[in-house]
Amino acid sequence: MTDDPGPKAARAGVGVWFDWAVEHALGVVFITFTVLSFGQVVARYAFGHPITWTEEICRYLFVWVVFVGAGVAERSRGHITLDFLTSRLPPNVRRRLDVVNGILCVGMVLLLFVWYGWSLTIVSMRQQSPFGGPPVGFAALAIPVGGLLMILNTIRTRLEERPPGGKP
């Protein structure tokens, strides 16, 4: 008898660690966004002097929360699906359609989020933000990063749902 959990357990450990790190980083970004937004409101309405840079930083942080959050939601299949037709199909047909759906999703996200998002990021890096903060491209960088995370999690969920023996 051996105590070695094997390569599958090691991959699961790395996956669990990766999910934990991404979710906690996203939580920190969201809390920072919330605190800065609250501070902006208090400064504006209680003291009559808004903190101008917080609005811009909050906008950037919100973009990151949305796009990285979309990638995190894909991990638990948290996106909206309409399955009123596919739920009536036999399990083997449903599984094959799910694989086709995964391939199509990866292709579209790769094209729209990663490819065009990266192009937008490159162009936006030349544009300075209105209050002299970081380039606008740092907000646009969330699009390809979130797209890559979505692709990774789409592949991971499809592979983990395979029945024993590896056949669909």
N, C-alpha and C. Protein backbone atom coordinates (compact mmCIF):
# COMPACT_ATOMS: atom_id res chain seq x y z
N MET A 1 0.84 -1.18 0.00
CA MET A 1 0.00 0.00 0.00
C MET A 1 0.89 1.24 0.00
N THR A 2 0.52 2.23 -0.79
CA THR A 2 1.33 3.44 -0.91
C THR A 2 0.52 4.66 -0.49
N ASP A 3 1.21 5.66 0.01
CA ASP A 3 0.56 6.91 0.41
C ASP A 3 0.60 7.95 -0.69
N ASP A 4 1.18 7.62 -1.85
CA ASP A 4 1.29 8.56 -2.95
C ASP A 4 -0.09 8.79 -3.58
N PRO A 5 -0.58 10.04 -3.57
CA PRO A 5 -1.90 10.31 -4.13
C PRO A 5 -1.94 10.23 -5.64
N GLY A 6 -0.80 10.27 -6.31
CA GLY A 6 -0.78 10.14 -7.76
C GLY A 6 -0.86 11.48 -8.46
N PRO A 7 -0.66 11.47 -9.78
CA PRO A 7 -0.64 12.74 -10.54
C PRO A 7 -2.00 13.42 -10.60
N LYS A 8 -3.09 12.65 -10.57
CA LYS A 8 -4.41 13.26 -10.63
C LYS A 8 -4.66 14.13 -9.40
N ALA A 9 -4.28 13.65 -8.23
CA ALA A 9 -4.45 14.44 -7.01
C ALA A 9 -3.55 15.67 -7.03
N ALA A 10 -2.35 15.55 -7.60
CA ALA A 10 -1.46 16.71 -7.70
C ALA A 10 -2.07 17.78 -8.59
N ARG A 11 -2.66 17.34 -9.72
CA ARG A 11 -3.32 18.31 -10.60
C ARG A 11 -4.50 18.96 -9.90
N ALA A 12 -5.25 18.17 -9.16
CA ALA A 12 -6.40 18.73 -8.44
C ALA A 12 -5.92 19.74 -7.41
N GLY A 13 -4.77 19.46 -6.76
CA GLY A 13 -4.23 20.38 -5.77
C GLY A 13 -3.83 21.70 -6.40
N VAL A 14 -3.16 21.64 -7.56
CA VAL A 14 -2.77 22.86 -8.26
C VAL A 14 -4.02 23.61 -8.71
N GLY A 15 -5.01 22.88 -9.22
CA GLY A 15 -6.26 23.51 -9.65
C GLY A 15 -7.00 24.17 -8.50
N VAL A 16 -7.02 23.51 -7.36
CA VAL A 16 -7.67 24.08 -6.18
C VAL A 16 -6.93 25.32 -5.73
N TRP A 17 -5.59 25.25 -5.71
CA TRP A 17 -4.80 26.40 -5.32
C TRP A 17 -5.01 27.56 -6.29
N PHE A 18 -5.02 27.27 -7.59
CA PHE A 18 -5.22 28.31 -8.61
C PHE A 18 -6.58 28.97 -8.44
N ASP A 19 -7.63 28.16 -8.27
CA ASP A 19 -8.98 28.70 -8.07
C ASP A 19 -9.03 29.58 -6.82
N TRP A 20 -8.40 29.10 -5.74
CA TRP A 20 -8.38 29.86 -4.49
C TRP A 20 -7.68 31.21 -4.70
N ALA A 21 -6.54 31.19 -5.37
CA ALA A 21 -5.77 32.42 -5.59
C ALA A 21 -6.55 33.42 -6.43
N VAL A 22 -7.16 32.95 -7.52
CA VAL A 22 -7.91 33.85 -8.40
C VAL A 22 -9.12 34.43 -7.67
N GLU A 23 -9.86 33.58 -6.96
CA GLU A 23 -11.05 34.06 -6.25
C GLU A 23 -10.70 35.05 -5.15
N HIS A 24 -9.62 34.80 -4.43
CA HIS A 24 -9.23 35.73 -3.37
C HIS A 24 -8.67 37.04 -3.93
N ALA A 25 -7.93 36.97 -5.02
CA ALA A 25 -7.46 38.19 -5.66
C ALA A 25 -8.66 39.01 -6.16
N LEU A 26 -9.64 38.33 -6.72
CA LEU A 26 -10.85 39.01 -7.18
C LEU A 26 -11.59 39.63 -6.00
N GLY A 27 -11.61 38.93 -4.88
CA GLY A 27 -12.24 39.48 -3.67
C GLY A 27 -11.54 40.73 -3.18
N VAL A 28 -10.22 40.73 -3.20
CA VAL A 28 -9.44 41.90 -2.78
C VAL A 28 -9.73 43.08 -3.71
N VAL A 29 -9.78 42.82 -5.00
CA VAL A 29 -10.07 43.88 -5.97
C VAL A 29 -11.48 44.43 -5.72
N PHE A 30 -12.44 43.55 -5.46
CA PHE A 30 -13.82 44.00 -5.22
C PHE A 30 -13.92 44.81 -3.94
N ILE A 31 -13.25 44.36 -2.89
CA ILE A 31 -13.27 45.12 -1.62
C ILE A 31 -12.61 46.48 -1.80
N THR A 32 -11.50 46.53 -2.53
CA THR A 32 -10.84 47.81 -2.81
C THR A 32 -11.77 48.74 -3.58
N PHE A 33 -12.45 48.18 -4.58
CA PHE A 33 -13.43 48.95 -5.37
C PHE A 33 -14.52 49.51 -4.45
N THR A 34 -15.03 48.68 -3.57
CA THR A 34 -16.12 49.10 -2.67
C THR A 34 -15.65 50.19 -1.71
N VAL A 35 -14.48 50.01 -1.12
CA VAL A 35 -13.96 51.00 -0.16
C VAL A 35 -13.69 52.34 -0.86
N LEU A 36 -13.08 52.29 -2.04
CA LEU A 36 -12.81 53.54 -2.76
C LEU A 36 -14.10 54.23 -3.19
N SER A 37 -15.10 53.45 -3.62
CA SER A 37 -16.39 54.04 -4.01
C SER A 37 -17.06 54.70 -2.81
N PHE A 38 -17.05 54.00 -1.68
CA PHE A 38 -17.64 54.55 -0.48
C PHE A 38 -16.91 55.83 -0.05
N GLY A 39 -15.58 55.80 -0.10
CA GLY A 39 -14.80 56.98 0.24
C GLY A 39 -15.10 58.15 -0.68
N GLN A 40 -15.30 57.86 -1.95
CA GLN A 40 -15.63 58.91 -2.92
C GLN A 40 -16.98 59.55 -2.58
N VAL A 41 -17.96 58.73 -2.24
CA VAL A 41 -19.29 59.26 -1.90
C VAL A 41 -19.22 60.09 -0.63
N VAL A 42 -18.54 59.60 0.38
CA VAL A 42 -18.42 60.35 1.64
C VAL A 42 -17.70 61.67 1.41
N ALA A 43 -16.60 61.63 0.67
CA ALA A 43 -15.85 62.87 0.41
C ALA A 43 -16.68 63.87 -0.38
N ARG A 44 -17.46 63.39 -1.32
CA ARG A 44 -18.24 64.29 -2.15
C ARG A 44 -19.41 64.90 -1.39
N TYR A 45 -20.18 64.07 -0.68
CA TYR A 45 -21.42 64.57 -0.07
C TYR A 45 -21.24 65.05 1.37
N ALA A 46 -20.31 64.47 2.10
CA ALA A 46 -20.14 64.90 3.49
C ALA A 46 -19.19 66.10 3.59
N PHE A 47 -18.16 66.12 2.77
CA PHE A 47 -17.16 67.18 2.88
C PHE A 47 -17.19 68.16 1.71
N GLY A 48 -17.91 67.83 0.65
CA GLY A 48 -18.01 68.72 -0.49
C GLY A 48 -16.78 68.76 -1.38
N HIS A 49 -15.84 67.86 -1.17
CA HIS A 49 -14.61 67.80 -1.96
C HIS A 49 -14.36 66.37 -2.42
N PRO A 50 -14.78 66.06 -3.64
CA PRO A 50 -14.58 64.69 -4.11
C PRO A 50 -13.11 64.37 -4.34
N ILE A 51 -12.78 63.12 -4.17
CA ILE A 51 -11.43 62.65 -4.48
C ILE A 51 -11.46 62.21 -5.94
N THR A 52 -10.86 63.01 -6.80
CA THR A 52 -11.05 62.84 -8.24
C THR A 52 -10.47 61.53 -8.79
N TRP A 53 -9.35 61.08 -8.30
CA TRP A 53 -8.70 59.91 -8.86
C TRP A 53 -9.43 58.61 -8.54
N THR A 54 -10.25 58.59 -7.47
CA THR A 54 -10.91 57.34 -7.09
C THR A 54 -11.93 56.89 -8.13
N GLU A 55 -12.57 57.84 -8.78
CA GLU A 55 -13.57 57.48 -9.79
C GLU A 55 -12.93 56.69 -10.94
N GLU A 56 -11.79 57.14 -11.37
CA GLU A 56 -11.09 56.47 -12.46
C GLU A 56 -10.56 55.10 -12.04
N ILE A 57 -9.97 55.02 -10.87
CA ILE A 57 -9.45 53.74 -10.37
C ILE A 57 -10.60 52.75 -10.17
N CYS A 58 -11.72 53.23 -9.66
CA CYS A 58 -12.90 52.36 -9.47
C CYS A 58 -13.40 51.83 -10.80
N ARG A 59 -13.36 52.64 -11.82
CA ARG A 59 -13.78 52.19 -13.15
C ARG A 59 -12.88 51.06 -13.63
N TYR A 60 -11.58 51.22 -13.46
CA TYR A 60 -10.63 50.18 -13.85
C TYR A 60 -10.85 48.89 -13.05
N LEU A 61 -11.02 49.05 -11.74
CA LEU A 61 -11.23 47.88 -10.89
C LEU A 61 -12.53 47.16 -11.24
N PHE A 62 -13.56 47.92 -11.57
CA PHE A 62 -14.84 47.31 -11.93
C PHE A 62 -14.71 46.48 -13.21
N VAL A 63 -13.97 46.99 -14.18
CA VAL A 63 -13.74 46.24 -15.42
C VAL A 63 -13.04 44.92 -15.11
N TRP A 64 -12.05 44.95 -14.23
CA TRP A 64 -11.34 43.73 -13.84
C TRP A 64 -12.26 42.76 -13.13
N VAL A 65 -13.11 43.26 -12.24
CA VAL A 65 -14.04 42.38 -11.53
C VAL A 65 -15.00 41.71 -12.51
N VAL A 66 -15.48 42.43 -13.48
CA VAL A 66 -16.43 41.88 -14.45
C VAL A 66 -15.79 40.79 -15.29
N PHE A 67 -14.65 41.07 -15.90
CA PHE A 67 -14.07 40.11 -16.84
C PHE A 67 -13.41 38.92 -16.15
N VAL A 68 -12.70 39.15 -15.07
CA VAL A 68 -12.13 38.01 -14.34
C VAL A 68 -13.26 37.24 -13.65
N GLY A 69 -14.27 37.94 -13.19
CA GLY A 69 -15.43 37.27 -12.60
C GLY A 69 -16.15 36.38 -13.59
N ALA A 70 -16.17 36.77 -14.86
CA ALA A 70 -16.78 35.91 -15.89
C ALA A 70 -15.99 34.62 -16.03
N GLY A 71 -14.68 34.71 -15.93
CA GLY A 71 -13.85 33.51 -15.98
C GLY A 71 -14.06 32.61 -14.77
N VAL A 72 -14.21 33.22 -13.59
CA VAL A 72 -14.48 32.45 -12.38
C VAL A 72 -15.85 31.80 -12.46
N ALA A 73 -16.84 32.51 -12.98
CA ALA A 73 -18.18 31.95 -13.11
C ALA A 73 -18.21 30.74 -14.04
N GLU A 74 -17.35 30.73 -15.03
CA GLU A 74 -17.29 29.60 -15.95
C GLU A 74 -16.85 28.33 -15.23
N ARG A 75 -16.03 28.47 -14.21
CA ARG A 75 -15.53 27.31 -13.47
C ARG A 75 -16.67 26.52 -12.83
N SER A 76 -17.68 27.21 -12.35
CA SER A 76 -18.83 26.53 -11.73
C SER A 76 -20.03 26.50 -12.66
N ARG A 77 -19.78 26.77 -13.95
CA ARG A 77 -20.85 26.85 -14.95
C ARG A 77 -21.95 27.81 -14.49
N GLY A 78 -21.52 28.97 -14.05
CA GLY A 78 -22.43 29.96 -13.52
C GLY A 78 -23.06 30.87 -14.55
N HIS A 79 -22.72 30.71 -15.81
CA HIS A 79 -23.33 31.54 -16.85
C HIS A 79 -24.71 31.02 -17.20
N ILE A 80 -25.54 31.90 -17.68
CA ILE A 80 -26.92 31.55 -18.02
C ILE A 80 -26.94 30.58 -19.20
N THR A 81 -27.72 29.52 -19.06
CA THR A 81 -27.89 28.57 -20.15
C THR A 81 -29.38 28.28 -20.33
N LEU A 82 -29.73 28.01 -21.56
CA LEU A 82 -31.10 27.59 -21.86
C LEU A 82 -31.04 26.12 -22.25
N ASP A 83 -31.52 25.26 -21.36
CA ASP A 83 -31.39 23.83 -21.60
C ASP A 83 -32.73 23.11 -21.73
N PHE A 84 -33.78 23.85 -22.05
CA PHE A 84 -35.09 23.21 -22.13
C PHE A 84 -35.17 22.20 -23.27
N LEU A 85 -34.34 22.33 -24.31
CA LEU A 85 -34.32 21.32 -25.38
C LEU A 85 -33.31 20.21 -25.09
N THR A 86 -32.11 20.61 -24.69
CA THR A 86 -31.07 19.60 -24.48
C THR A 86 -31.34 18.72 -23.27
N SER A 87 -32.08 19.22 -22.30
CA SER A 87 -32.37 18.39 -21.12
C SER A 87 -33.27 17.21 -21.45
N ARG A 88 -33.94 17.24 -22.59
CA ARG A 88 -34.83 16.15 -23.01
C ARG A 88 -34.12 15.10 -23.86
N LEU A 89 -32.86 15.36 -24.19
CA LEU A 89 -32.10 14.43 -25.03
C LEU A 89 -31.47 13.34 -24.18
N PRO A 90 -31.13 12.22 -24.81
CA PRO A 90 -30.42 11.17 -24.07
C PRO A 90 -29.06 11.67 -23.58
N PRO A 91 -28.55 11.10 -22.48
CA PRO A 91 -27.29 11.59 -21.90
C PRO A 91 -26.10 11.58 -22.86
N ASN A 92 -25.99 10.57 -23.71
CA ASN A 92 -24.83 10.53 -24.62
C ASN A 92 -24.90 11.64 -25.67
N VAL A 93 -26.09 11.94 -26.16
CA VAL A 93 -26.25 13.04 -27.12
C VAL A 93 -26.01 14.38 -26.43
N ARG A 94 -26.52 14.50 -25.22
CA ARG A 94 -26.33 15.73 -24.44
C ARG A 94 -24.84 15.97 -24.18
N ARG A 95 -24.10 14.92 -23.88
CA ARG A 95 -22.66 15.03 -23.63
C ARG A 95 -21.93 15.49 -24.89
N ARG A 96 -22.30 14.92 -26.03
CA ARG A 96 -21.65 15.32 -27.29
C ARG A 96 -21.96 16.77 -27.64
N LEU A 97 -23.20 17.18 -27.43
CA LEU A 97 -23.55 18.58 -27.66
C LEU A 97 -22.79 19.51 -26.71
N ASP A 98 -22.58 19.06 -25.49
CA ASP A 98 -21.82 19.85 -24.53
C ASP A 98 -20.37 20.03 -24.98
N VAL A 99 -19.79 18.99 -25.57
CA VAL A 99 -18.43 19.09 -26.09
C VAL A 99 -18.38 20.08 -27.26
N VAL A 100 -19.35 19.98 -28.16
CA VAL A 100 -19.42 20.91 -29.30
C VAL A 100 -19.61 22.34 -28.79
N ASN A 101 -20.49 22.50 -27.80
CA ASN A 101 -20.72 23.82 -27.21
C ASN A 101 -19.43 24.36 -26.59
N GLY A 102 -18.68 23.51 -25.90
CA GLY A 102 -17.42 23.94 -25.31
C GLY A 102 -16.42 24.39 -26.35
N ILE A 103 -16.34 23.64 -27.46
CA ILE A 103 -15.41 24.00 -28.54
C ILE A 103 -15.81 25.34 -29.16
N LEU A 104 -17.10 25.53 -29.40
CA LEU A 104 -17.58 26.79 -29.96
C LEU A 104 -17.33 27.96 -29.00
N CYS A 105 -17.56 27.73 -27.71
CA CYS A 105 -17.33 28.78 -26.72
C CYS A 105 -15.86 29.17 -26.66
N VAL A 106 -14.98 28.15 -26.65
CA VAL A 106 -13.54 28.43 -26.62
C VAL A 106 -13.14 29.23 -27.86
N GLY A 107 -13.65 28.85 -29.02
CA GLY A 107 -13.33 29.57 -30.25
C GLY A 107 -13.79 31.01 -30.23
N MET A 108 -15.01 31.24 -29.78
CA MET A 108 -15.54 32.61 -29.74
C MET A 108 -14.82 33.47 -28.71
N VAL A 109 -14.56 32.91 -27.54
CA VAL A 109 -13.85 33.67 -26.51
C VAL A 109 -12.42 33.96 -26.95
N LEU A 110 -11.80 32.98 -27.61
CA LEU A 110 -10.44 33.19 -28.12
C LEU A 110 -10.42 34.33 -29.13
N LEU A 111 -11.39 34.37 -30.00
CA LEU A 111 -11.44 35.42 -31.02
C LEU A 111 -11.81 36.77 -30.41
N LEU A 112 -12.94 36.82 -29.70
CA LEU A 112 -13.46 38.10 -29.23
C LEU A 112 -12.72 38.65 -28.02
N PHE A 113 -12.55 37.84 -26.99
CA PHE A 113 -11.95 38.35 -25.77
C PHE A 113 -10.44 38.42 -25.87
N VAL A 114 -9.83 37.31 -26.29
CA VAL A 114 -8.37 37.26 -26.25
C VAL A 114 -7.76 38.03 -27.42
N TRP A 115 -8.14 37.71 -28.64
CA TRP A 115 -7.54 38.35 -29.81
C TRP A 115 -7.86 39.84 -29.87
N TYR A 116 -9.17 40.15 -29.92
CA TYR A 116 -9.55 41.56 -30.03
C TYR A 116 -9.29 42.33 -28.74
N GLY A 117 -9.41 41.65 -27.60
CA GLY A 117 -9.10 42.29 -26.32
C GLY A 117 -7.64 42.68 -26.23
N TRP A 118 -6.76 41.79 -26.73
CA TRP A 118 -5.33 42.11 -26.73
C TRP A 118 -5.03 43.27 -27.69
N SER A 119 -5.69 43.26 -28.85
CA SER A 119 -5.51 44.38 -29.79
C SER A 119 -5.94 45.69 -29.16
N LEU A 120 -7.08 45.68 -28.47
CA LEU A 120 -7.56 46.87 -27.79
C LEU A 120 -6.59 47.30 -26.69
N THR A 121 -6.02 46.34 -25.98
CA THR A 121 -5.06 46.65 -24.92
C THR A 121 -3.83 47.35 -25.49
N ILE A 122 -3.30 46.83 -26.59
CA ILE A 122 -2.10 47.42 -27.21
C ILE A 122 -2.38 48.86 -27.63
N VAL A 123 -3.50 49.09 -28.29
CA VAL A 123 -3.86 50.44 -28.73
C VAL A 123 -4.11 51.36 -27.53
N SER A 124 -4.77 50.84 -26.50
CA SER A 124 -5.13 51.66 -25.33
C SER A 124 -3.94 52.01 -24.46
N MET A 125 -2.87 51.25 -24.55
CA MET A 125 -1.69 51.56 -23.74
C MET A 125 -1.08 52.91 -24.12
N ARG A 126 -1.36 53.37 -25.32
CA ARG A 126 -0.85 54.68 -25.76
C ARG A 126 -1.70 55.83 -25.25
N GLN A 127 -2.89 55.53 -24.75
CA GLN A 127 -3.81 56.57 -24.29
C GLN A 127 -3.66 56.77 -22.79
N GLN A 128 -3.36 57.98 -22.39
CA GLN A 128 -3.21 58.29 -20.97
C GLN A 128 -4.59 58.54 -20.36
N SER A 129 -4.78 58.14 -19.13
CA SER A 129 -6.06 58.36 -18.47
C SER A 129 -6.26 59.85 -18.18
N PRO A 130 -7.51 60.27 -18.04
CA PRO A 130 -7.80 61.70 -17.88
C PRO A 130 -7.12 62.37 -16.68
N PHE A 131 -6.96 61.66 -15.59
CA PHE A 131 -6.38 62.27 -14.40
C PHE A 131 -4.89 61.97 -14.26
N GLY A 132 -4.27 61.51 -15.35
CA GLY A 132 -2.83 61.29 -15.33
C GLY A 132 -2.39 60.03 -14.62
N GLY A 133 -3.33 59.12 -14.41
CA GLY A 133 -3.00 57.86 -13.76
C GLY A 133 -2.44 56.86 -14.75
N PRO A 134 -2.70 55.60 -14.54
CA PRO A 134 -2.16 54.57 -15.44
C PRO A 134 -2.81 54.67 -16.83
N PRO A 135 -2.16 54.13 -17.85
CA PRO A 135 -2.75 54.13 -19.19
C PRO A 135 -4.08 53.37 -19.20
N VAL A 136 -4.95 53.75 -20.11
CA VAL A 136 -6.26 53.13 -20.24
C VAL A 136 -6.11 51.63 -20.56
N GLY A 137 -4.99 51.26 -21.15
CA GLY A 137 -4.76 49.86 -21.51
C GLY A 137 -4.76 48.91 -20.33
N PHE A 138 -4.49 49.40 -19.12
CA PHE A 138 -4.54 48.52 -17.95
C PHE A 138 -5.96 48.04 -17.68
N ALA A 139 -6.94 48.86 -17.97
CA ALA A 139 -8.33 48.42 -17.84
C ALA A 139 -8.67 47.43 -18.96
N ALA A 140 -8.21 47.71 -20.17
CA ALA A 140 -8.50 46.84 -21.30
C ALA A 140 -7.80 45.49 -21.17
N LEU A 141 -6.70 45.43 -20.44
CA LEU A 141 -5.99 44.17 -20.24
C LEU A 141 -6.86 43.13 -19.53
N ALA A 142 -7.87 43.57 -18.81
CA ALA A 142 -8.78 42.64 -18.13
C ALA A 142 -9.54 41.78 -19.13
N ILE A 143 -9.75 42.27 -20.35
CA ILE A 143 -10.52 41.52 -21.35
C ILE A 143 -9.79 40.25 -21.78
N PRO A 144 -8.53 40.33 -22.25
CA PRO A 144 -7.86 39.08 -22.62
C PRO A 144 -7.55 38.19 -21.41
N VAL A 145 -7.25 38.78 -20.26
CA VAL A 145 -6.98 37.97 -19.07
C VAL A 145 -8.23 37.20 -18.67
N GLY A 146 -9.37 37.87 -18.62
CA GLY A 146 -10.63 37.20 -18.31
C GLY A 146 -10.98 36.16 -19.36
N GLY A 147 -10.68 36.45 -20.63
CA GLY A 147 -10.94 35.48 -21.70
C GLY A 147 -10.09 34.24 -21.56
N LEU A 148 -8.80 34.40 -21.24
CA LEU A 148 -7.93 33.25 -21.03
C LEU A 148 -8.40 32.41 -19.84
N LEU A 149 -8.83 33.08 -18.78
CA LEU A 149 -9.34 32.36 -17.62
C LEU A 149 -10.63 31.61 -17.97
N MET A 150 -11.47 32.22 -18.79
CA MET A 150 -12.71 31.57 -19.21
C MET A 150 -12.40 30.34 -20.07
N ILE A 151 -11.44 30.45 -20.97
CA ILE A 151 -11.05 29.31 -21.81
C ILE A 151 -10.50 28.19 -20.93
N LEU A 152 -9.60 28.54 -20.02
CA LEU A 152 -9.03 27.54 -19.12
C LEU A 152 -10.11 26.82 -18.32
N ASN A 153 -11.04 27.57 -17.77
CA ASN A 153 -12.09 26.96 -16.96
C ASN A 153 -13.11 26.20 -17.79
N THR A 154 -13.33 26.61 -19.03
CA THR A 154 -14.21 25.84 -19.92
C THR A 154 -13.60 24.47 -20.18
N ILE A 155 -12.32 24.45 -20.48
CA ILE A 155 -11.64 23.19 -20.74
C ILE A 155 -11.61 22.33 -19.48
N ARG A 156 -11.30 22.94 -18.35
CA ARG A 156 -11.24 22.18 -17.10
C ARG A 156 -12.58 21.56 -16.74
N THR A 157 -13.66 22.30 -16.88
CA THR A 157 -14.96 21.73 -16.51
C THR A 157 -15.36 20.61 -17.45
N ARG A 158 -15.04 20.75 -18.75
CA ARG A 158 -15.39 19.69 -19.70
C ARG A 158 -14.58 18.43 -19.43
N LEU A 159 -13.30 18.58 -19.11
CA LEU A 159 -12.45 17.42 -18.86
C LEU A 159 -12.81 16.72 -17.55
N GLU A 160 -13.18 17.48 -16.54
CA GLU A 160 -13.52 16.88 -15.24
C GLU A 160 -14.86 16.17 -15.26
N GLU A 161 -15.72 16.50 -16.21
CA GLU A 161 -17.04 15.88 -16.28
C GLU A 161 -17.05 14.62 -17.15
N ARG A 162 -15.89 14.21 -17.64
CA ARG A 162 -15.83 13.01 -18.46
C ARG A 162 -16.12 11.79 -17.61
N PRO A 163 -16.87 10.85 -18.14
CA PRO A 163 -17.13 9.61 -17.40
C PRO A 163 -15.87 8.75 -17.34
N PRO A 164 -15.82 7.80 -16.42
CA PRO A 164 -14.66 6.93 -16.32
C PRO A 164 -14.39 6.22 -17.65
N GLY A 165 -13.12 6.07 -17.99
CA GLY A 165 -12.76 5.45 -19.25
C GLY A 165 -12.48 6.47 -20.33
N GLY A 166 -12.86 7.75 -20.11
CA GLY A 166 -12.55 8.82 -21.04
C GLY A 166 -13.44 8.92 -22.26
N LYS A 167 -14.45 8.06 -22.40
CA LYS A 167 -15.34 8.14 -23.56
C LYS A 167 -16.54 9.01 -23.23
N PRO A 168 -16.98 9.80 -24.19
CA PRO A 168 -18.16 10.66 -23.94
C PRO A 168 -19.44 9.86 -23.88
